[in-house]
PDB file of N, CA and C in Angstrom:
ATOM      1  N   MET A   1     104.737  99.749 111.853  1.00  0.00           N
ATOM      2  CA  MET A   1     104.636 100.824 110.877  1.00  0.00           C
ATOM      3  C   MET A   1     104.341 102.123 111.623  1.00  0.00           C
ATOM      4  N   PRO A   2     105.050 103.198 111.278  1.00  0.00           N
ATOM      5  CA  PRO A   2     104.791 104.477 111.958  1.00  0.00           C
ATOM      6  C   PRO A   2     103.400 105.000 111.638  1.00  0.00           C
ATOM      7  N   GLU A   3     102.848 105.755 112.585  1.00  0.00           N
ATOM      8  CA  GLU A   3     101.521 106.307 112.358  1.00  0.00           C
ATOM      9  C   GLU A   3     101.547 107.304 111.211  1.00  0.00           C
ATOM     10  N   SER A   4     100.432 107.392 110.519  1.00  0.00           N
ATOM     11  CA  SER A   4     100.320 108.330 109.407  1.00  0.00           C
ATOM     12  C   SER A   4     100.142 109.741 109.950  1.00  0.00           C
ATOM     13  N   LYS A   5     100.772 110.684 109.289  1.00  0.00           N
ATOM     14  CA  LYS A   5     100.631 112.084 109.640  1.00  0.00           C
ATOM     15  C   LYS A   5      99.883 112.788 108.526  1.00  0.00           C
ATOM     16  N   GLU A   6      99.204 113.862 108.898  1.00  0.00           N
ATOM     17  CA  GLU A   6      98.510 114.660 107.897  1.00  0.00           C
ATOM     18  C   GLU A   6      99.554 115.299 106.990  1.00  0.00           C
ATOM     19  N   THR A   7      99.288 115.289 105.703  1.00  0.00           N
ATOM     20  CA  THR A   7     100.213 115.890 104.740  1.00  0.00           C
ATOM     21  C   THR A   7      99.491 116.933 103.901  1.00  0.00           C
ATOM     22  N   LEU A   8     100.276 117.770 103.243  1.00  0.00           N
ATOM     23  CA  LEU A   8      99.773 118.811 102.347  1.00  0.00           C
ATOM     24  C   LEU A   8     100.505 118.702 101.027  1.00  0.00           C
ATOM     25  N   ASP A   9      99.849 119.063  99.953  1.00  0.00           N
ATOM     26  CA  ASP A   9     100.525 119.213  98.673  1.00  0.00           C
ATOM     27  C   ASP A   9     101.027 120.646  98.594  1.00  0.00           C
ATOM     28  N   VAL A  10     102.325 120.812  98.352  1.00  0.00           N
ATOM     29  CA  VAL A  10     102.936 122.131  98.252  1.00  0.00           C
ATOM     30  C   VAL A  10     103.586 122.240  96.878  1.00  0.00           C
ATOM     31  N   ASN A  11     103.212 123.247  96.125  1.00  0.00           N
ATOM     32  CA  ASN A  11     103.826 123.467  94.813  1.00  0.00           C
ATOM     33  C   ASN A  11     105.062 124.336  94.990  1.00  0.00           C
ATOM     34  N   VAL A  12     106.207 123.779  94.591  1.00  0.00           N
ATOM     35  CA  VAL A  12     107.479 124.477  94.732  1.00  0.00           C
ATOM     36  C   VAL A  12     108.315 124.259  93.476  1.00  0.00           C
ATOM     37  N   ASN A  13     109.337 125.048  93.330  1.00  0.00           N
ATOM     38  CA  ASN A  13     110.331 124.837  92.280  1.00  0.00           C
ATOM     39  C   ASN A  13     111.494 124.088  92.906  1.00  0.00           C
ATOM     40  N   VAL A  14     111.878 122.966  92.296  1.00  0.00           N
ATOM     41  CA  VAL A  14     112.958 122.140  92.800  1.00  0.00           C
ATOM     42  C   VAL A  14     114.004 122.014  91.705  1.00  0.00           C
ATOM     43  N   GLU A  15     115.244 122.225  92.072  1.00  0.00           N
ATOM     44  CA  GLU A  15     116.334 122.121  91.102  1.00  0.00           C
ATOM     45  C   GLU A  15     116.835 120.681  91.067  1.00  0.00           C
ATOM     46  N   ILE A  16     116.734 120.042  89.899  1.00  0.00           N
ATOM     47  CA  ILE A  16     117.268 118.695  89.702  1.00  0.00           C
ATOM     48  C   ILE A  16     118.102 118.705  88.428  1.00  0.00           C
ATOM     49  N   THR A  17     118.935 117.703  88.271  1.00  0.00           N
ATOM     50  CA  THR A  17     119.769 117.625  87.074  1.00  0.00           C
ATOM     51  C   THR A  17     118.937 117.114  85.896  1.00  0.00           C
ATOM     52  N   THR A  18     119.420 117.373  84.711  1.00  0.00           N
ATOM     53  CA  THR A  18     118.752 116.850  83.517  1.00  0.00           C
ATOM     54  C   THR A  18     118.795 115.318  83.522  1.00  0.00           C
ATOM     55  N   GLU A  19     119.875 114.742  84.040  1.00  0.00           N
ATOM     56  CA  GLU A  19     119.990 113.289  84.104  1.00  0.00           C
ATOM     57  C   GLU A  19     118.914 112.694  85.011  1.00  0.00           C
ATOM     58  N   THR A  20     118.609 113.392  86.112  1.00  0.00           N
ATOM     59  CA  THR A  20     117.560 112.922  87.019  1.00  0.00           C
ATOM     60  C   THR A  20     116.222 112.897  86.314  1.00  0.00           C
ATOM     61  N   LEU A  21     115.893 113.973  85.633  1.00  0.00           N
ATOM     62  CA  LEU A  21     114.618 114.042  84.921  1.00  0.00           C
ATOM     63  C   LEU A  21     114.555 112.990  83.819  1.00  0.00           C
ATOM     64  N   GLN A  22     115.641 112.807  83.094  1.00  0.00           N
ATOM     65  CA  GLN A  22     115.674 111.807  82.036  1.00  0.00           C
ATOM     66  C   GLN A  22     115.449 110.404  82.599  1.00  0.00           C
ATOM     67  N   ALA A  23     116.023 110.116  83.754  1.00  0.00           N
ATOM     68  CA  ALA A  23     115.857 108.806  84.379  1.00  0.00           C
ATOM     69  C   ALA A  23     114.413 108.578  84.811  1.00  0.00           C
ATOM     70  N   ILE A  24     113.794 109.605  85.384  1.00  0.00           N
ATOM     71  CA  ILE A  24     112.394 109.479  85.799  1.00  0.00           C
ATOM     72  C   ILE A  24     111.500 109.230  84.594  1.00  0.00           C
ATOM     73  N   VAL A  25     111.692 109.981  83.531  1.00  0.00           N
ATOM     74  CA  VAL A  25     110.877 109.827  82.321  1.00  0.00           C
ATOM     75  C   VAL A  25     111.094 108.438  81.711  1.00  0.00           C
ATOM     76  N   ALA A  26     112.343 108.008  81.598  1.00  0.00           N
ATOM     77  CA  ALA A  26     112.638 106.703  80.999  1.00  0.00           C
ATOM     78  C   ALA A  26     112.026 105.566  81.822  1.00  0.00           C
ATOM     79  N   ASN A  27     112.163 105.631  83.130  1.00  0.00           N
ATOM     80  CA  ASN A  27     111.621 104.571  83.975  1.00  0.00           C
ATOM     81  C   ASN A  27     110.098 104.585  83.994  1.00  0.00           C
ATOM     82  N   ALA A  28     109.496 105.768  83.974  1.00  0.00           N
ATOM     83  CA  ALA A  28     108.038 105.869  83.936  1.00  0.00           C
ATOM     84  C   ALA A  28     107.507 105.249  82.639  1.00  0.00           C
ATOM     85  N   LYS A  29     108.199 105.492  81.527  1.00  0.00           N
ATOM     86  CA  LYS A  29     107.789 104.906  80.248  1.00  0.00           C
ATOM     87  C   LYS A  29     107.891 103.384  80.291  1.00  0.00           C
ATOM     88  N   LYS A  30     108.937 102.875  80.933  1.00  0.00           N
ATOM     89  CA  LYS A  30     109.093 101.421  81.046  1.00  0.00           C
ATOM     90  C   LYS A  30     107.954 100.817  81.860  1.00  0.00           C
ATOM     91  N   ILE A  31     107.516 101.521  82.882  1.00  0.00           N
ATOM     92  CA  ILE A  31     106.468 101.008  83.759  1.00  0.00           C
ATOM     93  C   ILE A  31     105.124 100.953  83.040  1.00  0.00           C
ATOM     94  N   VAL A  32     104.750 102.041  82.350  1.00  0.00           N
ATOM     95  CA  VAL A  32     103.422 102.078  81.722  1.00  0.00           C
ATOM     96  C   VAL A  32     103.392 101.420  80.346  1.00  0.00           C
ATOM     97  N   GLY A  33     104.486 101.484  79.629  1.00  0.00           N
ATOM     98  CA  GLY A  33     104.523 100.934  78.276  1.00  0.00           C
ATOM     99  C   GLY A  33     103.679 101.759  77.316  1.00  0.00           C
ATOM    100  N   PRO A  34     103.907 101.572  76.026  1.00  0.00           N
ATOM    101  CA  PRO A  34     103.155 102.327  75.027  1.00  0.00           C
ATOM    102  C   PRO A  34     101.763 101.739  74.821  1.00  0.00           C
ATOM    103  N   ASN A  35     100.844 102.593  74.360  1.00  0.00           N
ATOM    104  CA  ASN A  35      99.511 102.101  74.012  1.00  0.00           C
ATOM    105  C   ASN A  35      99.566 101.473  72.621  1.00  0.00           C
ATOM    106  N   GLU A  36      98.422 101.089  72.089  1.00  0.00           N
ATOM    107  CA  GLU A  36      98.378 100.416  70.783  1.00  0.00           C
ATOM    108  C   GLU A  36      98.884 101.284  69.638  1.00  0.00           C
ATOM    109  N   ARG A  37      98.917 102.589  69.826  1.00  0.00           N
ATOM    110  CA  ARG A  37      99.416 103.502  68.793  1.00  0.00           C
ATOM    111  C   ARG A  37     100.858 103.925  69.050  1.00  0.00           C
ATOM    112  N   GLY A  38     101.471 103.381  70.109  1.00  0.00           N
ATOM    113  CA  GLY A  38     102.874 103.667  70.388  1.00  0.00           C
ATOM    114  C   GLY A  38     103.110 104.882  71.260  1.00  0.00           C
ATOM    115  N   PHE A  39     102.037 105.426  71.836  1.00  0.00           N
ATOM    116  CA  PHE A  39     102.166 106.604  72.688  1.00  0.00           C
ATOM    117  C   PHE A  39     102.185 106.205  74.160  1.00  0.00           C
ATOM    118  N   TYR A  40     102.905 106.976  74.936  1.00  0.00           N
ATOM    119  CA  TYR A  40     102.976 106.751  76.379  1.00  0.00           C
ATOM    120  C   TYR A  40     102.066 107.756  77.076  1.00  0.00           C
ATOM    121  N   HIS A  41     101.153 107.268  77.895  1.00  0.00           N
ATOM    122  CA  HIS A  41     100.243 108.151  78.612  1.00  0.00           C
ATOM    123  C   HIS A  41     100.605 108.150  80.086  1.00  0.00           C
ATOM    124  N   ILE A  42     101.462 109.085  80.452  1.00  0.00           N
ATOM    125  CA  ILE A  42     101.878 109.233  81.848  1.00  0.00           C
ATOM    126  C   ILE A  42     102.215 110.700  82.078  1.00  0.00           C
ATOM    127  N   ASP A  43     101.825 111.202  83.212  1.00  0.00           N
ATOM    128  CA  ASP A  43     102.138 112.586  83.573  1.00  0.00           C
ATOM    129  C   ASP A  43     103.492 112.579  84.282  1.00  0.00           C
ATOM    130  N   THR A  44     104.527 112.974  83.559  1.00  0.00           N
ATOM    131  CA  THR A  44     105.872 112.914  84.134  1.00  0.00           C
ATOM    132  C   THR A  44     106.042 113.912  85.276  1.00  0.00           C
ATOM    133  N   ALA A  45     105.325 115.021  85.248  1.00  0.00           N
ATOM    134  CA  ALA A  45     105.402 115.974  86.365  1.00  0.00           C
ATOM    135  C   ALA A  45     104.865 115.329  87.637  1.00  0.00           C
ATOM    136  N   ASP A  46     103.775 114.568  87.514  1.00  0.00           N
ATOM    137  CA  ASP A  46     103.246 113.847  88.676  1.00  0.00           C
ATOM    138  C   ASP A  46     104.246 112.809  89.164  1.00  0.00           C
ATOM    139  N   LYS A  47     104.923 112.146  88.246  1.00  0.00           N
ATOM    140  CA  LYS A  47     105.911 111.128  88.627  1.00  0.00           C
ATOM    141  C   LYS A  47     107.088 111.770  89.349  1.00  0.00           C
ATOM    142  N   VAL A  48     107.547 112.943  88.885  1.00  0.00           N
ATOM    143  CA  VAL A  48     108.614 113.663  89.580  1.00  0.00           C
ATOM    144  C   VAL A  48     108.162 113.996  90.996  1.00  0.00           C
ATOM    145  N   SER A  49     106.949 114.491  91.129  1.00  0.00           N
ATOM    146  CA  SER A  49     106.405 114.821  92.443  1.00  0.00           C
ATOM    147  C   SER A  49     106.362 113.592  93.347  1.00  0.00           C
ATOM    148  N   GLU A  50     105.876 112.468  92.824  1.00  0.00           N
ATOM    149  CA  GLU A  50     105.819 111.232  93.602  1.00  0.00           C
ATOM    150  C   GLU A  50     107.203 110.794  94.067  1.00  0.00           C
ATOM    151  N   MET A  51     108.175 110.855  93.171  1.00  0.00           N
ATOM    152  CA  MET A  51     109.524 110.398  93.505  1.00  0.00           C
ATOM    153  C   MET A  51     110.167 111.280  94.566  1.00  0.00           C
ATOM    154  N   ILE A  52     110.017 112.591  94.425  1.00  0.00           N
ATOM    155  CA  ILE A  52     110.599 113.508  95.417  1.00  0.00           C
ATOM    156  C   ILE A  52     109.900 113.341  96.760  1.00  0.00           C
ATOM    157  N   SER A  53     108.581 113.250  96.756  1.00  0.00           N
ATOM    158  CA  SER A  53     107.837 113.071  98.007  1.00  0.00           C
ATOM    159  C   SER A  53     108.235 111.776  98.702  1.00  0.00           C
ATOM    160  N   ARG A  54     108.356 110.714  97.945  1.00  0.00           N
ATOM    161  CA  ARG A  54     108.764 109.428  98.528  1.00  0.00           C
ATOM    162  C   ARG A  54     110.162 109.522  99.124  1.00  0.00           C
ATOM    163  N   PHE A  55     111.077 110.138  98.394  1.00  0.00           N
ATOM    164  CA  PHE A  55     112.446 110.303  98.888  1.00  0.00           C
ATOM    165  C   PHE A  55     112.468 111.098 100.192  1.00  0.00           C
ATOM    166  N   LEU A  56     111.722 112.196 100.231  1.00  0.00           N
ATOM    167  CA  LEU A  56     111.688 113.029 101.432  1.00  0.00           C
ATOM    168  C   LEU A  56     111.122 112.262 102.628  1.00  0.00           C
ATOM    169  N   HIS A  57     110.090 111.474 102.385  1.00  0.00           N
ATOM    170  CA  HIS A  57     109.490 110.690 103.459  1.00  0.00           C
ATOM    171  C   HIS A  57     110.456 109.607 103.951  1.00  0.00           C
ATOM    172  N   GLU A  58     111.040 108.868 103.029  1.00  0.00           N
ATOM    173  CA  GLU A  58     111.922 107.761 103.392  1.00  0.00           C
ATOM    174  C   GLU A  58     113.211 108.234 104.059  1.00  0.00           C
ATOM    175  N   ASN A  59     113.618 109.471 103.790  1.00  0.00           N
ATOM    176  CA  ASN A  59     114.862 109.989 104.353  1.00  0.00           C
ATOM    177  C   ASN A  59     114.632 110.988 105.474  1.00  0.00           C
ATOM    178  N   ASP A  60     113.438 110.982 106.041  1.00  0.00           N
ATOM    179  CA  ASP A  60     113.078 111.751 107.228  1.00  0.00           C
ATOM    180  C   ASP A  60     113.371 113.250 107.073  1.00  0.00           C
ATOM    181  N   PHE A  61     112.802 113.829 106.028  1.00  0.00           N
ATOM    182  CA  PHE A  61     112.951 115.264 105.782  1.00  0.00           C
ATOM    183  C   PHE A  61     112.451 116.083 106.965  1.00  0.00           C
ATOM    184  N   GLU A  62     111.442 115.583 107.655  1.00  0.00           N
ATOM    185  CA  GLU A  62     110.900 116.309 108.801  1.00  0.00           C
ATOM    186  C   GLU A  62     111.968 116.553 109.870  1.00  0.00           C
ATOM    187  N   SER A  63     112.740 115.530 110.191  1.00  0.00           N
ATOM    188  CA  SER A  63     113.818 115.708 111.179  1.00  0.00           C
ATOM    189  C   SER A  63     114.888 116.657 110.658  1.00  0.00           C
ATOM    190  N   TYR A  64     115.168 116.554 109.367  1.00  0.00           N
ATOM    191  CA  TYR A  64     116.169 117.417 108.750  1.00  0.00           C
ATOM    192  C   TYR A  64     115.799 118.888 108.900  1.00  0.00           C
ATOM    193  N   VAL A  65     114.543 119.233 108.618  1.00  0.00           N
ATOM    194  CA  VAL A  65     114.144 120.642 108.678  1.00  0.00           C
ATOM    195  C   VAL A  65     113.982 121.140 110.110  1.00  0.00           C
ATOM    196  N   LYS A  66     113.809 120.242 111.048  1.00  0.00           N
ATOM    197  CA  LYS A  66     113.704 120.653 112.449  1.00  0.00           C
ATOM    198  C   LYS A  66     115.055 121.067 113.025  1.00  0.00           C
ATOM    199  N   ASP A  67     116.145 120.653 112.391  1.00  0.00           N
ATOM    200  CA  ASP A  67     117.504 120.991 112.840  1.00  0.00           C
ATOM    201  C   ASP A  67     117.917 122.320 112.216  1.00  0.00           C
ATOM    202  N   ILE A  68     117.974 123.361 113.016  1.00  0.00           N
ATOM    203  CA  ILE A  68     118.307 124.703 112.503  1.00  0.00           C
ATOM    204  C   ILE A  68     119.686 124.751 111.859  1.00  0.00           C
ATOM    205  N   GLY A  69     120.553 123.838 112.221  1.00  0.00           N
ATOM    206  CA  GLY A  69     121.892 123.790 111.631  1.00  0.00           C
ATOM    207  C   GLY A  69     121.883 123.438 110.145  1.00  0.00           C
ATOM    208  N   ASN A  70     120.778 122.929 109.642  1.00  0.00           N
ATOM    209  CA  ASN A  70     120.680 122.579 108.226  1.00  0.00           C
ATOM    210  C   ASN A  70     120.245 123.739 107.343  1.00  0.00           C
ATOM    211  N   TYR A  71     119.931 124.875 107.947  1.00  0.00           N
ATOM    212  CA  TYR A  71     119.480 126.025 107.169  1.00  0.00           C
ATOM    213  C   TYR A  71     120.692 126.808 106.666  1.00  0.00           C
ATOM    214  N   PRO A  72     120.627 127.296 105.416  1.00  0.00           N
ATOM    215  CA  PRO A  72     121.757 128.075 104.877  1.00  0.00           C
ATOM    216  C   PRO A  72     121.922 129.390 105.637  1.00  0.00           C
ATOM    217  N   LYS A  73     123.154 129.776 105.782  1.00  0.00           N
ATOM    218  CA  LYS A  73     123.479 131.055 106.424  1.00  0.00           C
ATOM    219  C   LYS A  73     123.424 132.150 105.369  1.00  0.00           C
ATOM    220  N   LYS A  74     122.979 133.307 105.761  1.00  0.00           N
ATOM    221  CA  LYS A  74     122.934 134.435 104.811  1.00  0.00           C
ATOM    222  C   LYS A  74     124.230 135.181 104.827  1.00  0.00           C
TER     223      LYS A  74
END
């Protein structure tokens, strides 16, 4: 297992499709299930953050940003 690195929480605006958000909300609801009154208690914004962070970690975002060729040209 790779060594753990220090991380920071960064608040940013991320553009995702409506279908992506709908999938995250639907799957989060399936995971937690409704309470006795039929309500779902889950912070979907936190779930979006978790999913994006996990994706970035698993797909080596650090190496991606270190490559200057990946930056948009002005």
